[in-house]
Amino acid sequence: DTSHFVNIFEAAPTLSLPQLHEIQAAQADLAQSREEYDAHRIVVETQFKERMRQQIEAAKAAVFKQVQHKREEMRAAERQQCQRDRLRNDQLVHSFRLAESQLKEAL
């Protein structure tokens, strides 16, 4: 965008040659500064995006780890419940068989 630059040819009749050279040098410095700024901005934006990507990946990994841990807890609780149910069933079968044998003896 050069719309902010002084049109040297329009200003030429009222400016001296050293003034024109000074304007040209200032315009060149400004153009270089803009290029450097744009390059720096791109680097900063890229670094920011990379940090955000890393933070998102870390958050995803943390959530995945929490979910995995919760699943393991639920499986452990389910295994314990199955063991309790199996023990209770075994006790009921034993009680039933004992009662059945006592009934046979009584008859």
N, C-alpha and C. Protein backbone atom coordinates (compact mmCIF):
# COMPACT_ATOMS: atom_id res chain seq x y z
N ASP A 1 0.86 -1.19 0.00
CA ASP A 1 0.00 0.00 0.00
C ASP A 1 0.89 1.23 0.00
N THR A 2 0.84 1.99 -1.06
CA THR A 2 1.69 3.19 -1.17
C THR A 2 0.86 4.46 -1.15
N SER A 3 -0.41 4.37 -0.77
CA SER A 3 -1.27 5.55 -0.79
C SER A 3 -0.83 6.61 0.21
N HIS A 4 -0.08 6.20 1.22
CA HIS A 4 0.36 7.17 2.23
C HIS A 4 1.66 7.89 1.81
N PHE A 5 2.30 7.40 0.74
CA PHE A 5 3.54 8.02 0.29
C PHE A 5 3.25 9.36 -0.40
N VAL A 6 4.18 10.27 -0.25
CA VAL A 6 4.07 11.55 -0.95
C VAL A 6 4.41 11.30 -2.42
N ASN A 7 3.56 11.77 -3.31
CA ASN A 7 3.87 11.64 -4.72
C ASN A 7 4.94 12.68 -5.03
N ILE A 8 6.15 12.19 -5.23
CA ILE A 8 7.30 13.07 -5.40
C ILE A 8 7.13 13.97 -6.62
N PHE A 9 6.51 13.44 -7.67
CA PHE A 9 6.37 14.24 -8.89
C PHE A 9 5.39 15.38 -8.71
N GLU A 10 4.36 15.17 -7.86
CA GLU A 10 3.42 16.26 -7.58
C GLU A 10 4.07 17.32 -6.71
N ALA A 11 4.92 16.89 -5.77
CA ALA A 11 5.54 17.82 -4.83
C ALA A 11 6.81 18.43 -5.40
N ALA A 12 7.33 17.85 -6.47
CA ALA A 12 8.63 18.26 -7.00
C ALA A 12 8.78 19.76 -7.27
N PRO A 13 7.80 20.42 -7.83
CA PRO A 13 8.02 21.85 -8.11
C PRO A 13 8.27 22.68 -6.86
N THR A 14 7.78 22.26 -5.69
CA THR A 14 7.92 23.09 -4.49
C THR A 14 9.04 22.60 -3.58
N LEU A 15 9.68 21.45 -3.90
CA LEU A 15 10.72 20.90 -3.03
C LEU A 15 12.08 20.99 -3.68
N SER A 16 13.09 21.10 -2.82
CA SER A 16 14.46 21.11 -3.34
C SER A 16 14.91 19.66 -3.54
N LEU A 17 15.99 19.47 -4.27
CA LEU A 17 16.52 18.14 -4.54
C LEU A 17 16.88 17.41 -3.25
N PRO A 18 17.56 18.04 -2.26
CA PRO A 18 17.84 17.35 -1.00
C PRO A 18 16.56 16.92 -0.28
N GLN A 19 15.53 17.76 -0.34
CA GLN A 19 14.26 17.40 0.29
C GLN A 19 13.64 16.18 -0.40
N LEU A 20 13.71 16.17 -1.75
CA LEU A 20 13.18 15.02 -2.48
C LEU A 20 13.92 13.74 -2.11
N HIS A 21 15.27 13.83 -2.01
CA HIS A 21 16.08 12.66 -1.61
C HIS A 21 15.72 12.21 -0.19
N GLU A 22 15.50 13.17 0.68
CA GLU A 22 15.11 12.85 2.06
C GLU A 22 13.76 12.13 2.10
N ILE A 23 12.82 12.59 1.29
CA ILE A 23 11.51 11.95 1.22
C ILE A 23 11.64 10.53 0.67
N GLN A 24 12.44 10.39 -0.38
CA GLN A 24 12.63 9.06 -0.96
C GLN A 24 13.27 8.11 0.06
N ALA A 25 14.25 8.59 0.81
CA ALA A 25 14.92 7.76 1.82
C ALA A 25 13.93 7.39 2.93
N ALA A 26 13.12 8.33 3.34
CA ALA A 26 12.12 8.07 4.39
C ALA A 26 11.10 7.05 3.90
N GLN A 27 10.68 7.17 2.63
CA GLN A 27 9.73 6.23 2.07
C GLN A 27 10.34 4.82 1.99
N ALA A 28 11.61 4.74 1.62
CA ALA A 28 12.29 3.44 1.55
C ALA A 28 12.41 2.83 2.95
N ASP A 29 12.76 3.68 3.94
CA ASP A 29 12.84 3.19 5.32
C ASP A 29 11.49 2.69 5.81
N LEU A 30 10.44 3.44 5.48
CA LEU A 30 9.09 3.05 5.89
C LEU A 30 8.69 1.72 5.24
N ALA A 31 8.99 1.58 3.97
CA ALA A 31 8.66 0.33 3.27
C ALA A 31 9.41 -0.85 3.89
N GLN A 32 10.69 -0.63 4.21
CA GLN A 32 11.49 -1.69 4.84
C GLN A 32 10.94 -2.02 6.23
N SER A 33 10.58 -0.99 6.99
CA SER A 33 10.02 -1.20 8.32
C SER A 33 8.73 -2.00 8.25
N ARG A 34 7.90 -1.68 7.25
CA ARG A 34 6.65 -2.44 7.08
C ARG A 34 6.94 -3.90 6.74
N GLU A 35 7.90 -4.14 5.88
CA GLU A 35 8.27 -5.52 5.53
C GLU A 35 8.78 -6.26 6.76
N GLU A 36 9.63 -5.61 7.55
CA GLU A 36 10.16 -6.23 8.76
C GLU A 36 9.03 -6.50 9.77
N TYR A 37 8.12 -5.53 9.89
CA TYR A 37 6.98 -5.70 10.80
C TYR A 37 6.12 -6.88 10.35
N ASP A 38 5.82 -6.92 9.05
CA ASP A 38 5.01 -8.02 8.53
C ASP A 38 5.69 -9.37 8.76
N ALA A 39 7.00 -9.44 8.53
CA ALA A 39 7.73 -10.69 8.74
C ALA A 39 7.70 -11.07 10.22
N HIS A 40 7.90 -10.09 11.10
CA HIS A 40 7.87 -10.35 12.54
C HIS A 40 6.47 -10.79 12.98
N ARG A 41 5.45 -10.13 12.44
CA ARG A 41 4.06 -10.47 12.78
C ARG A 41 3.76 -11.91 12.37
N ILE A 42 4.23 -12.32 11.22
CA ILE A 42 4.01 -13.69 10.76
C ILE A 42 4.69 -14.68 11.70
N VAL A 43 5.91 -14.37 12.13
CA VAL A 43 6.62 -15.24 13.07
C VAL A 43 5.86 -15.34 14.39
N VAL A 44 5.43 -14.19 14.91
CA VAL A 44 4.71 -14.17 16.19
C VAL A 44 3.38 -14.93 16.06
N GLU A 45 2.67 -14.72 14.97
CA GLU A 45 1.40 -15.43 14.78
C GLU A 45 1.63 -16.94 14.68
N THR A 46 2.68 -17.33 13.97
CA THR A 46 2.99 -18.75 13.82
C THR A 46 3.35 -19.36 15.18
N GLN A 47 4.16 -18.65 15.95
CA GLN A 47 4.53 -19.15 17.28
C GLN A 47 3.30 -19.26 18.18
N PHE A 48 2.42 -18.26 18.11
CA PHE A 48 1.20 -18.27 18.91
C PHE A 48 0.33 -19.47 18.53
N LYS A 49 0.15 -19.68 17.23
CA LYS A 49 -0.67 -20.80 16.76
C LYS A 49 -0.07 -22.12 17.22
N GLU A 50 1.25 -22.23 17.18
CA GLU A 50 1.91 -23.47 17.62
C GLU A 50 1.71 -23.69 19.12
N ARG A 51 1.84 -22.62 19.92
CA ARG A 51 1.60 -22.75 21.36
C ARG A 51 0.16 -23.16 21.63
N MET A 52 -0.79 -22.56 20.91
CA MET A 52 -2.20 -22.93 21.08
C MET A 52 -2.42 -24.39 20.70
N ARG A 53 -1.81 -24.83 19.61
CA ARG A 53 -1.94 -26.22 19.18
C ARG A 53 -1.39 -27.16 20.25
N GLN A 54 -0.23 -26.80 20.81
CA GLN A 54 0.37 -27.63 21.86
C GLN A 54 -0.52 -27.67 23.10
N GLN A 55 -1.08 -26.52 23.47
CA GLN A 55 -1.96 -26.48 24.64
C GLN A 55 -3.22 -27.31 24.41
N ILE A 56 -3.77 -27.23 23.20
CA ILE A 56 -4.95 -28.02 22.88
C ILE A 56 -4.62 -29.50 22.93
N GLU A 57 -3.48 -29.88 22.36
CA GLU A 57 -3.07 -31.29 22.39
C GLU A 57 -2.86 -31.76 23.83
N ALA A 58 -2.24 -30.92 24.66
CA ALA A 58 -2.03 -31.28 26.06
C ALA A 58 -3.37 -31.43 26.79
N ALA A 59 -4.31 -30.54 26.50
CA ALA A 59 -5.64 -30.63 27.12
C ALA A 59 -6.36 -31.90 26.68
N LYS A 60 -6.27 -32.20 25.39
CA LYS A 60 -6.89 -33.43 24.88
C LYS A 60 -6.28 -34.65 25.57
N ALA A 61 -4.96 -34.66 25.70
CA ALA A 61 -4.29 -35.80 26.34
C ALA A 61 -4.71 -35.92 27.80
N ALA A 62 -4.84 -34.79 28.49
CA ALA A 62 -5.26 -34.82 29.90
C ALA A 62 -6.68 -35.35 30.03
N VAL A 63 -7.57 -34.91 29.15
CA VAL A 63 -8.95 -35.39 29.20
C VAL A 63 -9.00 -36.88 28.87
N PHE A 64 -8.24 -37.29 27.86
CA PHE A 64 -8.20 -38.71 27.49
C PHE A 64 -7.71 -39.54 28.68
N LYS A 65 -6.69 -39.05 29.38
CA LYS A 65 -6.15 -39.76 30.53
C LYS A 65 -7.20 -39.87 31.64
N GLN A 66 -7.92 -38.77 31.88
CA GLN A 66 -8.98 -38.78 32.90
C GLN A 66 -10.08 -39.78 32.54
N VAL A 67 -10.48 -39.77 31.27
CA VAL A 67 -11.53 -40.69 30.82
C VAL A 67 -11.05 -42.13 30.97
N GLN A 68 -9.80 -42.37 30.57
CA GLN A 68 -9.24 -43.72 30.67
C GLN A 68 -9.20 -44.17 32.14
N HIS A 69 -8.78 -43.28 33.03
CA HIS A 69 -8.73 -43.59 34.46
C HIS A 69 -10.13 -43.90 35.00
N LYS A 70 -11.10 -43.08 34.59
CA LYS A 70 -12.49 -43.30 35.04
C LYS A 70 -13.00 -44.64 34.53
N ARG A 71 -12.69 -44.98 33.30
CA ARG A 71 -13.11 -46.28 32.76
C ARG A 71 -12.50 -47.43 33.55
N GLU A 72 -11.22 -47.28 33.89
CA GLU A 72 -10.56 -48.31 34.69
C GLU A 72 -11.22 -48.45 36.06
N GLU A 73 -11.57 -47.32 36.67
CA GLU A 73 -12.26 -47.36 37.96
C GLU A 73 -13.61 -48.06 37.82
N MET A 74 -14.33 -47.75 36.75
CA MET A 74 -15.64 -48.36 36.54
C MET A 74 -15.51 -49.86 36.29
N ARG A 75 -14.50 -50.27 35.52
CA ARG A 75 -14.29 -51.70 35.29
C ARG A 75 -13.94 -52.42 36.59
N ALA A 76 -13.11 -51.79 37.40
CA ALA A 76 -12.74 -52.39 38.69
C ALA A 76 -13.98 -52.54 39.58
N ALA A 77 -14.80 -51.50 39.62
CA ALA A 77 -16.03 -51.55 40.42
C ALA A 77 -16.96 -52.64 39.88
N GLU A 78 -17.04 -52.75 38.56
CA GLU A 78 -17.88 -53.78 37.95
C GLU A 78 -17.37 -55.18 38.28
N ARG A 79 -16.04 -55.37 38.22
CA ARG A 79 -15.45 -56.67 38.59
C ARG A 79 -15.76 -57.01 40.05
N GLN A 80 -15.62 -56.03 40.94
CA GLN A 80 -15.92 -56.26 42.35
C GLN A 80 -17.38 -56.64 42.54
N GLN A 81 -18.28 -55.94 41.83
CA GLN A 81 -19.71 -56.26 41.94
C GLN A 81 -19.97 -57.67 41.43
N CYS A 82 -19.32 -58.05 40.33
CA CYS A 82 -19.50 -59.41 39.80
C CYS A 82 -19.00 -60.45 40.80
N GLN A 83 -17.87 -60.16 41.44
CA GLN A 83 -17.35 -61.08 42.45
C GLN A 83 -18.33 -61.21 43.63
N ARG A 84 -18.89 -60.08 44.08
CA ARG A 84 -19.88 -60.11 45.17
C ARG A 84 -21.12 -60.89 44.75
N ASP A 85 -21.57 -60.66 43.52
CA ASP A 85 -22.76 -61.37 43.02
C ASP A 85 -22.47 -62.87 42.93
N ARG A 86 -21.29 -63.25 42.45
CA ARG A 86 -20.93 -64.65 42.34
C ARG A 86 -20.88 -65.31 43.71
N LEU A 87 -20.28 -64.62 44.68
CA LEU A 87 -20.20 -65.14 46.05
C LEU A 87 -21.61 -65.32 46.62
N ARG A 88 -22.46 -64.32 46.43
CA ARG A 88 -23.84 -64.39 46.93
C ARG A 88 -24.58 -65.56 46.26
N ASN A 89 -24.39 -65.72 44.95
CA ASN A 89 -25.03 -66.84 44.25
C ASN A 89 -24.53 -68.18 44.79
N ASP A 90 -23.21 -68.26 45.00
CA ASP A 90 -22.64 -69.50 45.55
C ASP A 90 -23.24 -69.80 46.92
N GLN A 91 -23.40 -68.75 47.75
CA GLN A 91 -23.99 -68.93 49.08
C GLN A 91 -25.44 -69.40 48.97
N LEU A 92 -26.18 -68.82 48.04
CA LEU A 92 -27.58 -69.22 47.85
C LEU A 92 -27.67 -70.67 47.37
N VAL A 93 -26.81 -71.05 46.44
CA VAL A 93 -26.81 -72.44 45.95
C VAL A 93 -26.47 -73.38 47.10
N HIS A 94 -25.46 -73.01 47.89
CA HIS A 94 -25.08 -73.84 49.03
C HIS A 94 -26.25 -73.97 50.02
N SER A 95 -26.90 -72.85 50.34
CA SER A 95 -28.04 -72.87 51.27
C SER A 95 -29.17 -73.71 50.70
N PHE A 96 -29.44 -73.56 49.40
CA PHE A 96 -30.50 -74.35 48.77
C PHE A 96 -30.17 -75.84 48.85
N ARG A 97 -28.95 -76.22 48.53
CA ARG A 97 -28.56 -77.64 48.56
C ARG A 97 -28.62 -78.20 49.98
N LEU A 98 -28.21 -77.38 50.95
CA LEU A 98 -28.26 -77.80 52.35
C LEU A 98 -29.72 -78.02 52.76
N ALA A 99 -30.58 -77.08 52.41
CA ALA A 99 -31.99 -77.20 52.74
C ALA A 99 -32.61 -78.42 52.03
N GLU A 100 -32.18 -78.62 50.77
CA GLU A 100 -32.69 -79.76 50.00
C GLU A 100 -32.28 -81.09 50.66
N SER A 101 -31.02 -81.17 51.08
CA SER A 101 -30.55 -82.42 51.72
C SER A 101 -31.24 -82.62 53.07
N GLN A 102 -31.47 -81.53 53.80
CA GLN A 102 -32.16 -81.66 55.08
C GLN A 102 -33.60 -82.11 54.88
N LEU A 103 -34.23 -81.60 53.81
CA LEU A 103 -35.59 -82.00 53.50
C LEU A 103 -35.64 -83.48 53.14
N LYS A 104 -34.69 -83.95 52.36
CA LYS A 104 -34.63 -85.37 51.97
C LYS A 104 -34.44 -86.24 53.21
N GLU A 105 -33.61 -85.78 54.13
CA GLU A 105 -33.38 -86.53 55.38
C GLU A 105 -34.64 -86.58 56.22
N ALA A 106 -35.37 -85.47 56.22
CA ALA A 106 -36.59 -85.40 57.03
C ALA A 106 -37.70 -86.28 56.46
N LEU A 107 -37.67 -86.51 55.15
CA LEU A 107 -38.70 -87.33 54.53
C LEU A 107 -38.28 -88.74 54.64
